[in-house]
Amino acid sequence: MAAENRKTARAQEKALEYLDYIMECFEASDFVEVTGRVGGDVVTYRIYDDGSMYVR
């Protein structure tokens, strides 16, 4: 359980480099999906375990 929390925390840190704030987070087996706001837009990033990040 602690490893999952670290995985989510790392993904949130990476996403906050681009987002103003985080609205929700969803953790799957090989990625974490982070939804937040930047400017006036809602953006969802999918951050994979290997460190790659894609806009969804």
PDB file of N, CA and C in Angstrom:
ATOM      1  N   MET A   1       0.823  -1.198   0.000  1.00  0.00           N
ATOM      2  CA  MET A   1       0.000   0.000   0.000  1.00  0.00           C
ATOM      3  C   MET A   1       0.863   1.257   0.000  1.00  0.00           C
ATOM      4  N   ALA A   2       1.949   1.269   0.741  1.00  0.00           N
ATOM      5  CA  ALA A   2       2.817   2.446   0.802  1.00  0.00           C
ATOM      6  C   ALA A   2       3.463   2.725  -0.546  1.00  0.00           C
ATOM      7  N   ALA A   3       3.792   1.670  -1.305  1.00  0.00           N
ATOM      8  CA  ALA A   3       4.391   1.861  -2.626  1.00  0.00           C
ATOM      9  C   ALA A   3       3.405   2.550  -3.566  1.00  0.00           C
ATOM     10  N   GLU A   4       2.124   2.211  -3.453  1.00  0.00           N
ATOM     11  CA  GLU A   4       1.105   2.851  -4.283  1.00  0.00           C
ATOM     12  C   GLU A   4       0.987   4.327  -3.939  1.00  0.00           C
ATOM     13  N   ASN A   5       1.084   4.658  -2.669  1.00  0.00           N
ATOM     14  CA  ASN A   5       1.003   6.063  -2.268  1.00  0.00           C
ATOM     15  C   ASN A   5       2.185   6.848  -2.819  1.00  0.00           C
ATOM     16  N   ARG A   6       3.378   6.261  -2.809  1.00  0.00           N
ATOM     17  CA  ARG A   6       4.554   6.928  -3.379  1.00  0.00           C
ATOM     18  C   ARG A   6       4.386   7.111  -4.882  1.00  0.00           C
ATOM     19  N   LYS A   7       3.834   6.103  -5.540  1.00  0.00           N
ATOM     20  CA  LYS A   7       3.601   6.170  -6.979  1.00  0.00           C
ATOM     21  C   LYS A   7       2.652   7.332  -7.304  1.00  0.00           C
ATOM     22  N   THR A   8       1.585   7.453  -6.560  1.00  0.00           N
ATOM     23  CA  THR A   8       0.621   8.537  -6.774  1.00  0.00           C
ATOM     24  C   THR A   8       1.244   9.884  -6.447  1.00  0.00           C
ATOM     25  N   ALA A   9       2.008   9.963  -5.375  1.00  0.00           N
ATOM     26  CA  ALA A   9       2.651  11.224  -4.984  1.00  0.00           C
ATOM     27  C   ALA A   9       3.644  11.688  -6.053  1.00  0.00           C
ATOM     28  N   ARG A  10       4.430  10.767  -6.601  1.00  0.00           N
ATOM     29  CA  ARG A  10       5.375  11.123  -7.674  1.00  0.00           C
ATOM     30  C   ARG A  10       4.628  11.632  -8.900  1.00  0.00           C
ATOM     31  N   ALA A  11       3.533  10.971  -9.255  1.00  0.00           N
ATOM     32  CA  ALA A  11       2.754  11.382 -10.419  1.00  0.00           C
ATOM     33  C   ALA A  11       2.142  12.763 -10.193  1.00  0.00           C
ATOM     34  N   GLN A  12       1.651  13.024  -8.994  1.00  0.00           N
ATOM     35  CA  GLN A  12       1.070  14.329  -8.696  1.00  0.00           C
ATOM     36  C   GLN A  12       2.128  15.421  -8.748  1.00  0.00           C
ATOM     37  N   GLU A  13       3.313  15.147  -8.227  1.00  0.00           N
ATOM     38  CA  GLU A  13       4.403  16.129  -8.293  1.00  0.00           C
ATOM     39  C   GLU A  13       4.739  16.480  -9.740  1.00  0.00           C
ATOM     40  N   LYS A  14       4.826  15.457 -10.585  1.00  0.00           N
ATOM     41  CA  LYS A  14       5.150  15.692 -11.991  1.00  0.00           C
ATOM     42  C   LYS A  14       4.036  16.488 -12.675  1.00  0.00           C
ATOM     43  N   ALA A  15       2.792  16.152 -12.400  1.00  0.00           N
ATOM     44  CA  ALA A  15       1.664  16.844 -13.023  1.00  0.00           C
ATOM     45  C   ALA A  15       1.581  18.291 -12.555  1.00  0.00           C
ATOM     46  N   LEU A  16       1.929  18.562 -11.308  1.00  0.00           N
ATOM     47  CA  LEU A  16       1.855  19.929 -10.786  1.00  0.00           C
ATOM     48  C   LEU A  16       2.873  20.869 -11.432  1.00  0.00           C
ATOM     49  N   GLU A  17       3.835  20.319 -12.156  1.00  0.00           N
ATOM     50  CA  GLU A  17       4.749  21.168 -12.926  1.00  0.00           C
ATOM     51  C   GLU A  17       3.990  21.889 -14.038  1.00  0.00           C
ATOM     52  N   TYR A  18       2.848  21.334 -14.453  1.00  0.00           N
ATOM     53  CA  TYR A  18       2.064  21.872 -15.560  1.00  0.00           C
ATOM     54  C   TYR A  18       0.677  22.370 -15.145  1.00  0.00           C
ATOM     55  N   LEU A  19       0.173  21.907 -14.009  1.00  0.00           N
ATOM     56  CA  LEU A  19      -1.177  22.246 -13.564  1.00  0.00           C
ATOM     57  C   LEU A  19      -1.154  23.313 -12.479  1.00  0.00           C
ATOM     58  N   ASP A  20      -2.250  24.083 -12.395  1.00  0.00           N
ATOM     59  CA  ASP A  20      -2.419  25.025 -11.290  1.00  0.00           C
ATOM     60  C   ASP A  20      -2.807  24.275 -10.022  1.00  0.00           C
ATOM     61  N   TYR A  21      -3.716  23.326 -10.161  1.00  0.00           N
ATOM     62  CA  TYR A  21      -4.078  22.470  -9.029  1.00  0.00           C
ATOM     63  C   TYR A  21      -4.698  21.174  -9.542  1.00  0.00           C
ATOM     64  N   ILE A  22      -4.729  20.172  -8.664  1.00  0.00           N
ATOM     65  CA  ILE A  22      -5.236  18.842  -9.004  1.00  0.00           C
ATOM     66  C   ILE A  22      -6.659  18.705  -8.492  1.00  0.00           C
ATOM     67  N   MET A  23      -7.539  18.198  -9.360  1.00  0.00           N
ATOM     68  CA  MET A  23      -8.937  17.990  -8.980  1.00  0.00           C
ATOM     69  C   MET A  23      -9.203  16.539  -8.577  1.00  0.00           C
ATOM     70  N   GLU A  24      -8.597  15.593  -9.299  1.00  0.00           N
ATOM     71  CA  GLU A  24      -8.774  14.186  -8.941  1.00  0.00           C
ATOM     72  C   GLU A  24      -7.637  13.343  -9.478  1.00  0.00           C
ATOM     73  N   CYS A  25      -7.510  12.165  -8.897  1.00  0.00           N
ATOM     74  CA  CYS A  25      -6.421  11.251  -9.233  1.00  0.00           C
ATOM     75  C   CYS A  25      -6.994   9.841  -9.307  1.00  0.00           C
ATOM     76  N   PHE A  26      -6.573   9.086 -10.313  1.00  0.00           N
ATOM     77  CA  PHE A  26      -6.992   7.697 -10.461  1.00  0.00           C
ATOM     78  C   PHE A  26      -5.756   6.851 -10.687  1.00  0.00           C
ATOM     79  N   GLU A  27      -5.580   5.828  -9.881  1.00  0.00           N
ATOM     80  CA  GLU A  27      -4.401   4.964 -10.002  1.00  0.00           C
ATOM     81  C   GLU A  27      -4.790   3.622 -10.610  1.00  0.00           C
ATOM     82  N   ALA A  28      -4.110   3.251 -11.684  1.00  0.00           N
ATOM     83  CA  ALA A  28      -4.278   1.942 -12.317  1.00  0.00           C
ATOM     84  C   ALA A  28      -2.993   1.144 -12.103  1.00  0.00           C
ATOM     85  N   SER A  29      -2.935  -0.042 -12.662  1.00  0.00           N
ATOM     86  CA  SER A  29      -1.778  -0.901 -12.406  1.00  0.00           C
ATOM     87  C   SER A  29      -0.481  -0.359 -13.000  1.00  0.00           C
ATOM     88  N   ASP A  30      -0.548   0.287 -14.180  1.00  0.00           N
ATOM     89  CA  ASP A  30       0.689   0.746 -14.813  1.00  0.00           C
ATOM     90  C   ASP A  30       0.762   2.252 -15.050  1.00  0.00           C
ATOM     91  N   PHE A  31      -0.218   3.003 -14.572  1.00  0.00           N
ATOM     92  CA  PHE A  31      -0.191   4.462 -14.705  1.00  0.00           C
ATOM     93  C   PHE A  31      -1.047   5.115 -13.624  1.00  0.00           C
ATOM     94  N   VAL A  32      -0.878   6.426 -13.499  1.00  0.00           N
ATOM     95  CA  VAL A  32      -1.724   7.240 -12.635  1.00  0.00           C
ATOM     96  C   VAL A  32      -2.309   8.333 -13.520  1.00  0.00           C
ATOM     97  N   GLU A  33      -3.614   8.518 -13.448  1.00  0.00           N
ATOM     98  CA  GLU A  33      -4.277   9.551 -14.223  1.00  0.00           C
ATOM     99  C   GLU A  33      -4.584  10.717 -13.291  1.00  0.00           C
ATOM    100  N   VAL A  34      -4.088  11.898 -13.645  1.00  0.00           N
ATOM    101  CA  VAL A  34      -4.238  13.089 -12.814  1.00  0.00           C
ATOM    102  C   VAL A  34      -5.022  14.128 -13.618  1.00  0.00           C
ATOM    103  N   THR A  35      -6.135  14.590 -13.046  1.00  0.00           N
ATOM    104  CA  THR A  35      -6.957  15.612 -13.676  1.00  0.00           C
ATOM    105  C   THR A  35      -6.851  16.887 -12.866  1.00  0.00           C
ATOM    106  N   GLY A  36      -6.634  17.990 -13.564  1.00  0.00           N
ATOM    107  CA  GLY A  36      -6.508  19.270 -12.878  1.00  0.00           C
ATOM    108  C   GLY A  36      -6.803  20.424 -13.807  1.00  0.00           C
ATOM    109  N   ARG A  37      -6.568  21.621 -13.305  1.00  0.00           N
ATOM    110  CA  ARG A  37      -6.844  22.838 -14.077  1.00  0.00           C
ATOM    111  C   ARG A  37      -5.558  23.573 -14.382  1.00  0.00           C
ATOM    112  N   VAL A  38      -5.505  24.108 -15.579  1.00  0.00           N
ATOM    113  CA  VAL A  38      -4.418  24.984 -15.991  1.00  0.00           C
ATOM    114  C   VAL A  38      -5.071  26.132 -16.751  1.00  0.00           C
ATOM    115  N   GLY A  39      -4.873  27.337 -16.268  1.00  0.00           N
ATOM    116  CA  GLY A  39      -5.590  28.470 -16.837  1.00  0.00           C
ATOM    117  C   GLY A  39      -7.070  28.272 -16.586  1.00  0.00           C
ATOM    118  N   GLY A  40      -7.868  28.258 -17.630  1.00  0.00           N
ATOM    119  CA  GLY A  40      -9.295  28.005 -17.477  1.00  0.00           C
ATOM    120  C   GLY A  40      -9.706  26.646 -18.000  1.00  0.00           C
ATOM    121  N   ASP A  41      -8.739  25.803 -18.330  1.00  0.00           N
ATOM    122  CA  ASP A  41      -9.027  24.509 -18.939  1.00  0.00           C
ATOM    123  C   ASP A  41      -8.838  23.364 -17.948  1.00  0.00           C
ATOM    124  N   VAL A  42      -9.606  22.312 -18.146  1.00  0.00           N
ATOM    125  CA  VAL A  42      -9.430  21.072 -17.392  1.00  0.00           C
ATOM    126  C   VAL A  42      -8.598  20.133 -18.253  1.00  0.00           C
ATOM    127  N   VAL A  43      -7.525  19.598 -17.679  1.00  0.00           N
ATOM    128  CA  VAL A  43      -6.591  18.743 -18.411  1.00  0.00           C
ATOM    129  C   VAL A  43      -6.392  17.445 -17.627  1.00  0.00           C
ATOM    130  N   THR A  44      -6.289  16.339 -18.350  1.00  0.00           N
ATOM    131  CA  THR A  44      -5.993  15.052 -17.724  1.00  0.00           C
ATOM    132  C   THR A  44      -4.674  14.536 -18.270  1.00  0.00           C
ATOM    133  N   TYR A  45      -3.757  14.228 -17.367  1.00  0.00           N
ATOM    134  CA  TYR A  45      -2.475  13.632 -17.733  1.00  0.00           C
ATOM    135  C   TYR A  45      -2.472  12.182 -17.284  1.00  0.00           C
ATOM    136  N   ARG A  46      -1.929  11.331 -18.135  1.00  0.00           N
ATOM    137  CA  ARG A  46      -1.717   9.934 -17.775  1.00  0.00           C
ATOM    138  C   ARG A  46      -0.218   9.758 -17.633  1.00  0.00           C
ATOM    139  N   ILE A  47       0.230   9.443 -16.420  1.00  0.00           N
ATOM    140  CA  ILE A  47       1.647   9.325 -16.112  1.00  0.00           C
ATOM    141  C   ILE A  47       1.952   7.845 -15.857  1.00  0.00           C
ATOM    142  N   TYR A  48       2.774   7.284 -16.735  1.00  0.00           N
ATOM    143  CA  TYR A  48       3.097   5.864 -16.655  1.00  0.00           C
ATOM    144  C   TYR A  48       4.253   5.618 -15.697  1.00  0.00           C
ATOM    145  N   ASP A  49       4.388   4.362 -15.275  1.00  0.00           N
ATOM    146  CA  ASP A  49       5.433   3.968 -14.318  1.00  0.00           C
ATOM    147  C   ASP A  49       6.840   4.255 -14.844  1.00  0.00           C
ATOM    148  N   ASP A  50       7.028   4.255 -16.166  1.00  0.00           N
ATOM    149  CA  ASP A  50       8.360   4.507 -16.727  1.00  0.00           C
ATOM    150  C   ASP A  50       8.694   5.998 -16.776  1.00  0.00           C
ATOM    151  N   GLY A  51       7.757   6.855 -16.332  1.00  0.00           N
ATOM    152  CA  GLY A  51       7.997   8.295 -16.288  1.00  0.00           C
ATOM    153  C   GLY A  51       7.419   9.055 -17.462  1.00  0.00           C
ATOM    154  N   SER A  52       6.941   8.352 -18.483  1.00  0.00           N
ATOM    155  CA  SER A  52       6.357   9.064 -19.620  1.00  0.00           C
ATOM    156  C   SER A  52       5.000   9.640 -19.227  1.00  0.00           C
ATOM    157  N   MET A  53       4.665  10.773 -19.867  1.00  0.00           N
ATOM    158  CA  MET A  53       3.445  11.487 -19.515  1.00  0.00           C
ATOM    159  C   MET A  53       2.733  11.904 -20.796  1.00  0.00           C
ATOM    160  N   TYR A  54       1.444  11.629 -20.863  1.00  0.00           N
ATOM    161  CA  TYR A  54       0.642  11.946 -22.037  1.00  0.00           C
ATOM    162  C   TYR A  54      -0.616  12.681 -21.628  1.00  0.00           C
ATOM    163  N   VAL A  55      -1.038  13.618 -22.468  1.00  0.00           N
ATOM    164  CA  VAL A  55      -2.315  14.299 -22.248  1.00  0.00           C
ATOM    165  C   VAL A  55      -3.399  13.398 -22.772  1.00  0.00           C
ATOM    166  N   ARG A  56      -4.431  13.254 -21.998  1.00  0.00           N
ATOM    167  CA  ARG A  56      -5.536  12.391 -22.392  1.00  0.00           C
ATOM    168  C   ARG A  56      -6.718  13.234 -22.764  1.00  0.00           C
TER     169      ARG A  56
END
